[in-house]
Protein backbone atom coordinates (compact mmCIF):
# COMPACT_ATOMS: atom_id res chain seq x y z
CA UNK A 1 -39.28 -3.84 2.45
CA UNK A 2 -39.51 -0.95 4.84
CA UNK A 3 -43.06 -0.62 6.07
CA UNK A 4 -45.00 1.34 8.76
CA UNK A 5 -46.47 -1.80 10.23
CA UNK A 6 -45.62 -2.47 13.81
CA UNK A 7 -43.01 -5.06 14.39
CA UNK A 8 -44.11 -8.08 16.30
CA UNK A 9 -40.87 -10.10 16.82
CA UNK A 10 -37.03 -9.92 16.70
CA UNK A 11 -37.30 -12.48 13.73
CA UNK A 12 -38.74 -9.60 11.60
CA UNK A 13 -35.68 -7.55 12.28
CA UNK A 14 -33.48 -10.42 11.27
CA UNK A 15 -35.50 -11.09 8.05
CA UNK A 16 -35.01 -7.43 7.31
CA UNK A 17 -31.31 -8.14 6.51
CA UNK A 18 -32.10 -11.40 4.55
CA UNK A 19 -34.41 -9.32 2.23
CA UNK A 20 -31.28 -7.49 1.19
CA UNK A 21 -29.67 -10.37 -0.43
CA UNK A 22 -29.21 -10.18 -4.26
CA UNK A 23 -28.03 -12.54 -6.98
CA UNK A 24 -24.46 -11.95 -8.20
CA UNK A 25 -25.66 -10.51 -11.48
CA UNK A 26 -27.46 -7.73 -9.59
CA UNK A 27 -24.52 -6.66 -7.32
CA UNK A 28 -23.63 -3.05 -7.67
CA UNK A 29 -21.46 -0.39 -5.80
CA UNK A 30 -22.57 2.75 -4.37
CA UNK A 31 -20.21 5.55 -3.15
CA UNK A 32 -20.92 8.51 -0.71
CA UNK A 33 -18.39 11.37 -1.06
CA UNK A 34 -18.22 14.06 1.52
CA UNK A 35 -16.48 17.36 0.70
CA UNK A 36 -15.54 20.39 2.95
CA UNK A 37 -16.37 23.82 1.68
CA UNK A 38 -14.41 26.91 2.94
CA UNK A 39 -14.06 30.61 2.25
CA UNK A 40 -11.44 31.22 -0.53
CA UNK A 41 -10.29 34.26 1.51
CA UNK A 42 -9.15 32.74 4.73
CA UNK A 43 -10.08 29.01 4.70
CA UNK A 44 -12.81 29.41 7.24
CA UNK A 45 -15.83 27.16 7.20
CA UNK A 46 -18.57 28.24 4.79
CA UNK A 47 -21.57 29.23 6.77
CA UNK A 48 -24.59 27.04 6.47
CA UNK A 49 -27.20 29.86 6.18
CA UNK A 50 -27.16 33.29 4.77
CA UNK A 51 -26.79 34.69 1.25
CA UNK A 52 -23.30 33.22 0.98
CA UNK A 53 -23.90 30.00 2.69
CA UNK A 54 -24.12 26.43 1.73
CA UNK A 55 -27.92 26.33 1.45
CA UNK A 56 -27.88 29.25 -0.88
CA UNK A 57 -25.05 27.57 -2.93
CA UNK A 58 -27.18 24.39 -3.27
CA UNK A 59 -30.26 26.48 -4.30
CA UNK A 60 -28.22 27.95 -7.02
CA UNK A 61 -27.13 24.38 -8.07
CA UNK A 62 -30.82 23.26 -8.17
CA UNK A 63 -31.73 26.19 -10.41
CA UNK A 64 -28.75 25.69 -12.73
CA UNK A 65 -28.54 22.00 -12.98
CA UNK A 66 -32.26 21.01 -12.62
CA UNK A 67 -32.13 19.26 -9.15
CA UNK A 68 -35.24 19.04 -7.04
CA UNK A 69 -34.73 20.67 -3.61
CA UNK A 70 -35.25 18.53 -0.61
CA UNK A 71 -36.45 20.45 2.61
CA UNK A 72 -36.92 19.62 6.27
CA UNK A 73 -39.61 22.10 7.65
CA UNK A 74 -38.31 24.86 5.39
CA UNK A 75 -34.63 24.09 5.68
CA UNK A 76 -32.92 23.01 2.45
CA UNK A 77 -31.08 19.80 3.41
CA UNK A 78 -30.42 18.45 -0.07
CA UNK A 79 -30.91 18.00 -3.77
CA UNK A 80 -32.57 15.20 -5.55
CA UNK A 81 -31.12 14.32 -9.03
CA UNK A 82 -32.19 11.65 -11.50
CA UNK A 83 -29.88 8.92 -10.20
CA UNK A 84 -28.14 10.45 -7.13
CA UNK A 85 -28.73 12.61 -4.12
CA UNK A 86 -26.69 15.66 -2.85
CA UNK A 87 -27.13 16.18 1.03
CA UNK A 88 -25.73 18.49 3.60
CA UNK A 89 -23.98 17.18 6.52
CA UNK A 90 -24.16 18.79 10.01
CA UNK A 91 -21.34 21.30 9.61
CA UNK A 92 -22.18 22.18 5.92
CA UNK A 93 -20.10 19.44 4.42
CA UNK A 94 -21.67 18.44 1.03
CA UNK A 95 -22.15 14.81 0.32
CA UNK A 96 -22.87 12.94 -3.01
CA UNK A 97 -24.79 9.86 -2.34
CA UNK A 98 -24.18 8.15 -5.72
CA UNK A 99 -26.24 5.95 -7.82
CA UNK A 100 -25.79 2.05 -7.59
CA UNK A 101 -23.22 1.44 -10.34
CA UNK A 102 -22.10 -1.69 -12.04
CA UNK A 103 -18.57 -0.38 -12.67
CA UNK A 104 -16.22 2.34 -11.16
CA UNK A 105 -16.13 3.88 -14.54
CA UNK A 106 -19.78 4.85 -13.90
CA UNK A 107 -18.88 5.86 -10.33
CA UNK A 108 -16.08 8.15 -11.58
CA UNK A 109 -18.32 9.79 -14.40
CA UNK A 110 -20.88 10.57 -11.74
CA UNK A 111 -18.46 11.99 -9.24
CA UNK A 112 -16.62 13.96 -11.86
CA UNK A 113 -19.98 15.72 -12.98
CA UNK A 114 -20.82 16.45 -9.38
CA UNK A 115 -17.40 17.91 -8.68
CA UNK A 116 -17.51 20.21 -11.75
CA UNK A 117 -20.94 21.41 -10.84
CA UNK A 118 -20.11 22.10 -7.24
CA UNK A 119 -16.69 23.80 -8.02
CA UNK A 120 -18.33 26.02 -10.55
CA UNK A 121 -21.05 27.19 -8.17
CA UNK A 122 -18.68 27.51 -5.18
CA UNK A 123 -16.32 29.81 -7.24
CA UNK A 124 -19.29 32.19 -7.54
CA UNK A 125 -19.66 32.03 -3.65
CA UNK A 126 -15.95 32.94 -3.24
CA UNK A 127 -15.60 29.45 -1.85
CA UNK A 128 -13.22 26.40 -2.40
CA UNK A 129 -14.04 22.69 -2.19
CA UNK A 130 -11.22 20.93 -0.14
CA UNK A 131 -9.87 17.40 -0.70
CA UNK A 132 -9.34 16.87 3.00
CA UNK A 133 -10.93 14.67 5.64
CA UNK A 134 -10.99 17.49 8.13
CA UNK A 135 -11.76 21.26 8.40
CA UNK A 136 -8.03 22.50 8.61
CA UNK A 137 -8.87 25.78 10.31
CA UNK A 138 -12.26 26.35 11.76
CA UNK A 139 -12.95 25.25 15.40
CA UNK A 140 -16.05 23.51 16.21
CA UNK A 141 -17.73 26.65 17.75
CA UNK A 142 -17.05 28.46 14.60
CA UNK A 143 -18.87 26.07 12.34
CA UNK A 144 -22.57 26.56 12.01
CA UNK A 145 -24.82 23.57 12.67
CA UNK A 146 -27.42 22.67 9.85
CA UNK A 147 -30.70 23.19 11.61
CA UNK A 148 -32.07 19.72 10.47
CA UNK A 149 -34.36 17.93 12.94
CA UNK A 150 -32.10 14.97 13.44
CA UNK A 151 -29.02 17.01 13.94
CA UNK A 152 -30.70 19.18 16.62
CA UNK A 153 -31.27 15.91 18.55
CA UNK A 154 -27.91 14.35 17.80
CA UNK A 155 -25.68 17.31 18.53
CA UNK A 156 -26.55 17.92 22.25
CA UNK A 157 -26.46 14.16 22.78
CA UNK A 158 -22.90 13.96 21.24
CA UNK A 159 -21.89 16.60 23.61
CA UNK A 160 -22.93 14.45 26.55
CA UNK A 161 -21.57 11.09 25.28
CA UNK A 162 -17.96 11.64 24.20
CA UNK A 163 -15.38 14.35 23.96
CA UNK A 164 -14.99 14.32 20.12
CA UNK A 165 -18.56 13.66 18.78
CA UNK A 166 -19.26 17.24 17.96
CA UNK A 167 -16.01 17.25 15.99
CA UNK A 168 -17.27 14.40 13.91
CA UNK A 169 -20.46 16.07 13.05
CA UNK A 170 -19.09 19.49 12.14
CA UNK A 171 -15.38 19.02 11.15
CA UNK A 172 -15.07 15.64 9.34
CA UNK A 173 -15.49 14.35 5.88
CA UNK A 174 -15.29 10.74 4.62
CA UNK A 175 -15.81 8.60 1.51
CA UNK A 176 -17.52 5.22 1.86
CA UNK A 177 -18.37 2.30 -0.41
CA UNK A 178 -21.70 0.38 -0.24
CA UNK A 179 -21.61 -3.22 -1.44
CA UNK A 180 -24.23 -6.12 -2.02
CA UNK A 181 -24.26 -9.51 -0.72
CA UNK A 182 -25.67 -12.87 -1.95
CA UNK A 183 -26.80 -14.35 1.33
CA UNK A 184 -26.30 -14.31 5.02
CA UNK A 185 -22.83 -16.03 4.97
CA UNK A 186 -21.73 -13.67 2.21
CA UNK A 187 -22.90 -10.61 4.08
CA UNK A 188 -21.19 -11.56 7.40
CA UNK A 189 -18.06 -12.43 5.50
CA UNK A 190 -17.91 -8.93 3.91
CA UNK A 191 -18.88 -7.30 7.16
CA UNK A 192 -16.02 -9.12 9.05
CA UNK A 193 -13.63 -8.14 6.19
CA UNK A 194 -14.71 -4.50 6.38
CA UNK A 195 -13.68 -4.40 10.16
CA UNK A 196 -10.59 -6.51 9.59
CA UNK A 197 -9.17 -4.26 6.94
CA UNK A 198 -10.10 -1.09 8.71
CA UNK A 199 -6.38 -0.30 9.80
CA UNK A 200 -5.23 -0.76 6.29
CA UNK A 201 -7.84 1.52 4.92
CA UNK A 202 -6.93 4.25 7.46
CA UNK A 203 -3.22 3.72 6.58
CA UNK A 204 -3.88 4.16 2.77
CA UNK A 205 -6.55 6.98 3.01
CA UNK A 206 -5.45 8.98 5.96
CA UNK A 207 -6.03 12.70 4.96
CA UNK A 208 -6.96 14.58 8.15
CA UNK A 209 -3.55 15.74 9.79
CA UNK A 210 -4.50 19.44 10.07
CA UNK A 211 -7.16 20.75 12.19
CA UNK A 212 -7.98 24.04 14.28
CA UNK A 213 -5.19 25.74 12.43
CA UNK A 214 -2.24 23.38 12.70
CA UNK A 215 -1.03 19.76 12.75
CA UNK A 216 -2.99 17.60 15.26
CA UNK A 217 -0.40 14.80 15.67
CA UNK A 218 -2.49 12.26 13.70
CA UNK A 219 -2.43 11.16 9.92
CA UNK A 220 -6.17 10.33 10.28
CA UNK A 221 -7.54 12.52 13.03
CA UNK A 222 -11.00 11.81 11.54
CA UNK A 223 -10.37 8.15 12.56
CA UNK A 224 -9.32 9.16 16.00
CA UNK A 225 -12.40 11.31 16.53
CA UNK A 226 -14.46 8.15 16.05
CA UNK A 227 -12.88 6.55 19.01
CA UNK A 228 -14.26 9.15 21.48
CA UNK A 229 -17.63 9.90 19.77
CA UNK A 230 -20.12 7.37 21.33
CA UNK A 231 -19.00 3.93 22.74
CA UNK A 232 -22.44 2.56 22.35
CA UNK A 233 -22.56 2.85 18.67
CA UNK A 234 -18.90 3.22 17.33
CA UNK A 235 -15.75 1.11 16.97
CA UNK A 236 -15.50 -2.67 16.22
CA UNK A 237 -17.82 -4.96 18.04
CA UNK A 238 -15.96 -8.22 18.79
CA UNK A 239 -18.76 -10.57 17.72
CA UNK A 240 -18.26 -9.72 14.11
CA UNK A 241 -14.97 -11.67 13.99
CA UNK A 242 -16.64 -14.89 15.01
CA UNK A 243 -16.79 -17.55 12.26
CA UNK A 244 -20.30 -18.30 13.17
CA UNK A 245 -21.60 -14.67 13.49
CA UNK A 246 -24.85 -14.16 11.59
CA UNK A 247 -27.71 -11.69 11.01
CA UNK A 248 -29.20 -12.52 14.46
CA UNK A 249 -25.96 -11.41 16.14
CA UNK A 250 -25.98 -8.12 14.33
CA UNK A 251 -29.66 -7.65 15.07
CA UNK A 252 -29.07 -8.28 18.82
CA UNK A 253 -26.15 -5.85 18.81
CA UNK A 254 -28.31 -3.14 17.17
CA UNK A 255 -31.19 -3.91 19.64
CA UNK A 256 -28.73 -2.94 22.44
CA UNK A 257 -27.88 0.53 20.90
CA UNK A 258 -29.72 3.53 22.33
CA UNK A 259 -32.05 5.21 20.10
CA UNK A 260 -31.69 8.90 18.95
CA UNK A 261 -35.18 9.33 17.68
CA UNK A 262 -38.10 7.88 15.67
CA UNK A 263 -39.79 9.68 12.77
CA UNK A 264 -43.63 10.27 12.86
CA UNK A 265 -45.52 12.47 10.44
CA UNK A 266 -42.52 14.14 9.05
CA UNK A 267 -41.29 15.00 12.70
CA UNK A 268 -38.55 13.49 14.82
CA UNK A 269 -39.50 12.34 18.34
CA UNK A 270 -36.46 12.81 20.57
CA UNK A 271 -35.67 9.64 22.48
CA UNK A 272 -32.36 10.92 24.05
CA UNK A 273 -33.97 12.51 27.13
CA UNK A 274 -34.03 10.53 29.26
CA UNK A 275 -31.06 8.64 27.49
CA UNK A 276 -30.64 4.89 27.27
CA UNK A 277 -33.81 3.79 25.49
CA UNK A 278 -32.52 0.99 23.37
CA UNK A 279 -34.27 -0.43 20.32
CA UNK A 280 -34.69 -3.47 22.27
CA UNK A 281 -36.50 -1.71 25.16
CA UNK A 282 -38.67 0.16 22.41
CA UNK A 283 -39.54 -3.15 20.97
CA UNK A 284 -40.53 -4.58 24.28
CA UNK A 285 -42.30 -1.66 25.82
CA UNK A 286 -42.98 0.94 23.08
CA UNK A 287 -42.76 4.64 23.74
CA UNK A 288 -45.59 6.86 24.67
CA UNK A 289 -47.98 4.73 22.79
CA UNK A 290 -45.84 4.27 19.67
CA UNK A 291 -44.70 0.80 18.55
CA UNK A 292 -41.72 0.18 16.49
CA UNK A 293 -41.82 -0.35 12.78
CA UNK A 294 -39.35 -1.59 10.04
CA UNK A 295 -39.01 2.02 9.11
CA UNK A 296 -37.85 2.67 12.73
CA UNK A 297 -35.44 -0.10 12.37
CA UNK A 298 -33.95 1.12 9.15
CA UNK A 299 -33.58 4.62 10.61
CA UNK A 300 -31.84 3.29 13.75
CA UNK A 301 -29.41 1.15 11.66
CA UNK A 302 -28.34 4.38 9.97
CA UNK A 303 -27.28 5.77 13.30
CA UNK A 304 -24.81 2.84 14.02
CA UNK A 305 -21.37 4.26 13.31
CA UNK A 306 -19.15 1.33 13.50
CA UNK A 307 -16.22 0.86 10.98
CA UNK A 308 -18.39 -1.34 9.02
CA UNK A 309 -22.12 -1.26 8.98
CA UNK A 310 -24.81 -3.68 7.92
CA UNK A 311 -28.14 -2.49 6.51
CA UNK A 312 -29.55 -4.21 3.50
CA UNK A 313 -26.00 -3.85 2.14
CA UNK A 314 -22.54 -3.62 3.63
CA UNK A 315 -20.92 -0.22 4.10
CA UNK A 316 -17.10 0.14 4.25
CA UNK A 317 -16.56 3.35 6.21
CA UNK A 318 -12.77 3.66 7.18
CA UNK A 319 -11.55 6.25 4.57
CA UNK A 320 -11.02 9.85 4.95
CA UNK A 321 -12.26 12.07 2.14
CA UNK A 322 -9.64 12.36 -0.64
CA UNK A 323 -8.74 14.73 -3.52
CA UNK A 324 -10.65 14.15 -6.70
CA UNK A 325 -8.06 11.88 -8.36
CA UNK A 326 -8.34 9.49 -5.35
CA UNK A 327 -12.01 9.63 -4.75
CA UNK A 328 -12.61 6.54 -7.13
CA UNK A 329 -9.77 4.68 -5.51
CA UNK A 330 -12.01 3.87 -2.34
CA UNK A 331 -14.77 2.04 -4.25
CA UNK A 332 -12.28 0.61 -6.60
CA UNK A 333 -10.36 -0.96 -3.89
CA UNK A 334 -13.46 -2.19 -2.25
CA UNK A 335 -14.92 -3.60 -5.43
CA UNK A 336 -11.70 -5.38 -6.41
CA UNK A 337 -11.36 -7.12 -3.04
CA UNK A 338 -15.02 -7.72 -2.04
CA UNK A 339 -16.64 -8.86 -5.31
CA UNK A 340 -14.14 -11.65 -6.00
CA UNK A 341 -14.18 -14.76 -3.68
CA UNK A 342 -10.47 -15.33 -4.17
CA UNK A 343 -9.57 -11.75 -3.47
CA UNK A 344 -11.72 -11.75 -0.31
CA UNK A 345 -9.93 -14.84 0.92
CA UNK A 346 -6.53 -13.22 0.16
CA UNK A 347 -7.61 -10.03 1.92
CA UNK A 348 -8.65 -11.82 4.92
CA UNK A 349 -5.41 -13.81 5.00
CA UNK A 350 -3.61 -10.43 5.51
CA UNK A 351 -5.29 -9.69 8.75
CA UNK A 352 -6.95 -12.94 10.14
CA UNK A 353 -4.17 -13.70 12.68
CA UNK A 354 -4.57 -10.61 14.82
CA UNK A 355 -6.35 -10.87 18.08
CA UNK A 356 -9.21 -8.54 18.92
CA UNK A 357 -6.92 -6.57 21.25
CA UNK A 358 -4.31 -6.35 18.50
CA UNK A 359 -6.91 -5.08 16.12
CA UNK A 360 -7.88 -2.21 18.39
CA UNK A 361 -4.14 -1.30 19.01
CA UNK A 362 -3.56 -1.41 15.12
CA UNK A 363 -6.63 0.87 14.48
CA UNK A 364 -5.19 3.53 16.88
CA UNK A 365 -1.62 3.06 15.42
CA UNK A 366 -2.97 3.56 11.85
CA UNK A 367 -4.88 6.69 12.88
CA UNK A 368 -1.68 8.04 14.24
CA UNK A 369 1.05 6.79 12.10
CA UNK A 370 -0.63 5.60 8.88
CA UNK A 371 1.39 3.42 6.68
CA UNK A 372 4.34 3.65 9.11
CA UNK A 373 2.45 1.73 11.86
CA UNK A 374 3.54 -1.80 12.42
CA UNK A 375 1.65 -5.02 12.95
CA UNK A 376 4.42 -6.78 15.08
CA UNK A 377 7.45 -6.59 12.78
CA UNK A 378 5.47 -5.95 9.63
CA UNK A 379 4.79 -2.24 8.51
CA UNK A 380 1.24 -1.55 7.55
CA UNK A 381 2.69 -0.26 4.35
CA UNK A 382 3.60 -3.79 3.22
CA UNK A 383 0.23 -5.13 4.01
CA UNK A 384 -1.47 -2.16 2.42
CA UNK A 385 0.50 -2.58 -0.87
CA UNK A 386 -0.50 -6.13 -0.90
CA UNK A 387 -4.17 -5.32 -0.51
CA UNK A 388 -3.94 -2.86 -3.36
CA UNK A 389 -2.22 -5.45 -5.49
CA UNK A 390 -5.05 -7.96 -4.53
CA UNK A 391 -7.64 -5.40 -5.58
CA UNK A 392 -6.04 -4.71 -8.94
CA UNK A 393 -6.04 -8.39 -9.58
CA UNK A 394 -9.66 -8.48 -8.76
CA UNK A 395 -10.68 -5.76 -11.06
CA UNK A 396 -8.64 -7.10 -13.85
CA UNK A 397 -10.45 -10.34 -13.47
CA UNK A 398 -13.82 -8.64 -13.52
CA UNK A 399 -12.71 -7.13 -16.76
CA UNK A 400 -15.25 -4.11 -17.08
CA UNK A 401 -13.62 -1.79 -19.51
CA UNK A 402 -14.27 1.74 -20.44
CA UNK A 403 -14.46 3.36 -23.98
CA UNK A 404 -10.76 3.29 -24.22
CA UNK A 405 -10.60 -0.57 -23.34
CA UNK A 406 -9.19 0.19 -19.73
CA UNK A 407 -10.39 -1.96 -16.89
CA UNK A 408 -11.30 -0.52 -13.40
CA UNK A 409 -7.78 -1.14 -12.07
CA UNK A 410 -6.81 2.17 -13.61
CA UNK A 411 -8.35 3.87 -10.47
CA UNK A 412 -5.84 2.20 -8.37
CA UNK A 413 -2.73 3.26 -10.17
CA UNK A 414 -2.06 6.38 -8.13
CA UNK A 415 -2.92 4.68 -4.78
CA UNK A 416 -0.50 1.89 -5.53
CA UNK A 417 2.36 4.35 -6.46
CA UNK A 418 1.68 6.33 -3.24
CA UNK A 419 1.67 3.17 -1.14
CA UNK A 420 4.81 1.90 -2.68
CA UNK A 421 6.57 5.12 -1.69
CA UNK A 422 5.23 4.78 1.79
CA UNK A 423 3.09 7.90 1.39
CA UNK A 424 -0.65 8.83 1.70
CA UNK A 425 -2.46 12.24 1.45
CA UNK A 426 -1.73 12.93 5.13
CA UNK A 427 2.09 12.52 4.80
CA UNK A 428 2.07 14.60 1.69
CA UNK A 429 0.03 17.38 3.25
CA UNK A 430 2.29 17.36 6.39
CA UNK A 431 5.36 17.70 4.17
CA UNK A 432 3.82 20.49 2.18
CA UNK A 433 2.61 22.43 5.31
CA UNK A 434 6.07 22.40 6.88
CA UNK A 435 7.71 23.15 3.46
CA UNK A 436 6.25 24.77 0.39
CA UNK A 437 3.02 26.08 2.12
CA UNK A 438 5.17 27.55 5.08
CA UNK A 439 2.30 27.08 7.53
CA UNK A 440 0.17 29.59 5.61
CA UNK A 441 -3.57 29.20 5.35
CA UNK A 442 -3.93 30.62 1.89
CA UNK A 443 -1.29 28.27 0.56
CA UNK A 444 -2.86 25.16 2.14
CA UNK A 445 -6.34 25.80 0.84
CA UNK A 446 -5.13 26.59 -2.67
CA UNK A 447 -3.02 23.39 -2.63
CA UNK A 448 -5.97 21.16 -1.39
CA UNK A 449 -8.74 22.78 -3.45
CA UNK A 450 -10.60 21.01 -6.14
CA UNK A 451 -9.31 22.40 -9.42
CA UNK A 452 -12.24 23.22 -11.58
CA UNK A 453 -10.06 23.40 -14.73
CA UNK A 454 -8.53 20.01 -14.04
CA UNK A 455 -11.98 18.50 -13.43
CA UNK A 456 -13.07 19.77 -16.88
CA UNK A 457 -10.36 18.32 -18.70
């Protein structure tokens, strides 16, 4: 449990992860979906403030759909619903943090309702919701920063740490799946697998080939952005691939990551000036009379941006945001593989032979070439297709059916067909941009926009 009592030892930080363990019957899956909003006139980023901005749009959603506004010192930063939360990301991206669902059927119903509500109100603001992983037209300096306390600290720090961190904050959108674990060994197996499968997730879900008004040379530029955001807290730590890695290893890794801030009395205390105050140093020395608490630890863990992440659950983070029909494919793929012991073993078999250096090279290759990247002589397309097949088998075995008697594998059908054809959303967007869209902004945003009529069907 997260409390405000001071931490006395590293063992308390390790125990925090152990407290997240759940019996198999209580395992659920949560999904976080980020979406990019743009002007329907020219595809420019919707402003955050003002009468036609994202905050005003969310206020109308609150009035119409009975959400409770969430504010940070007078700034609207999200909406609270009965089971899920809507939040605003630094560049005005809108995120649904979904409820903990037993099935992907539940996840899909929740997402479909949210997408209908968002597109309905966006239309009234002459805005479109895009199924892309990157702002296609607005440059970083053209995108307003949400004046949320934590972002006002993170943004200037990002400018100092890496060349692409501000792009991550303002331009990118992702979809991630959060999964439970039974014990320490299970948690570390799932964390290791989330890192091991990262190149395949990027290859399957690459969807950010356009930015700043044209092609950027990558299929997942969002993935590439993370490679030059902040080396202290991003990437793939080598220790996770050790067979004997445990909670202590992750805790000691997190202790070495510099702090952005701590929260005291609804205010964020900036720890980036001077930079380099790690959580380990905070634990040993304190900061201006403040001692660390488990609440500080939980907040700190949320600012580690590796491909997989351990909190009191495991986060799988290597997928670009998708169009609506593929949004449920991300949690479906994760649930099919990670919630079946045989499927986890089969998934690991696909990637276990790679050295650490090869993993880093494959991650970069997947960002750039997607399913066409190669692991030695083997195209990632072949491995990715096998991964989807493993997940389908896992979901069929879990046998959770909807009102029509269909199991959760239905959410992977489109993904399987695309992978078999060697395609992902990035290759399709590149093809359309050069072809039917004819390099025209209006055609691109109409082609990538959420279709409110289709969502209502």
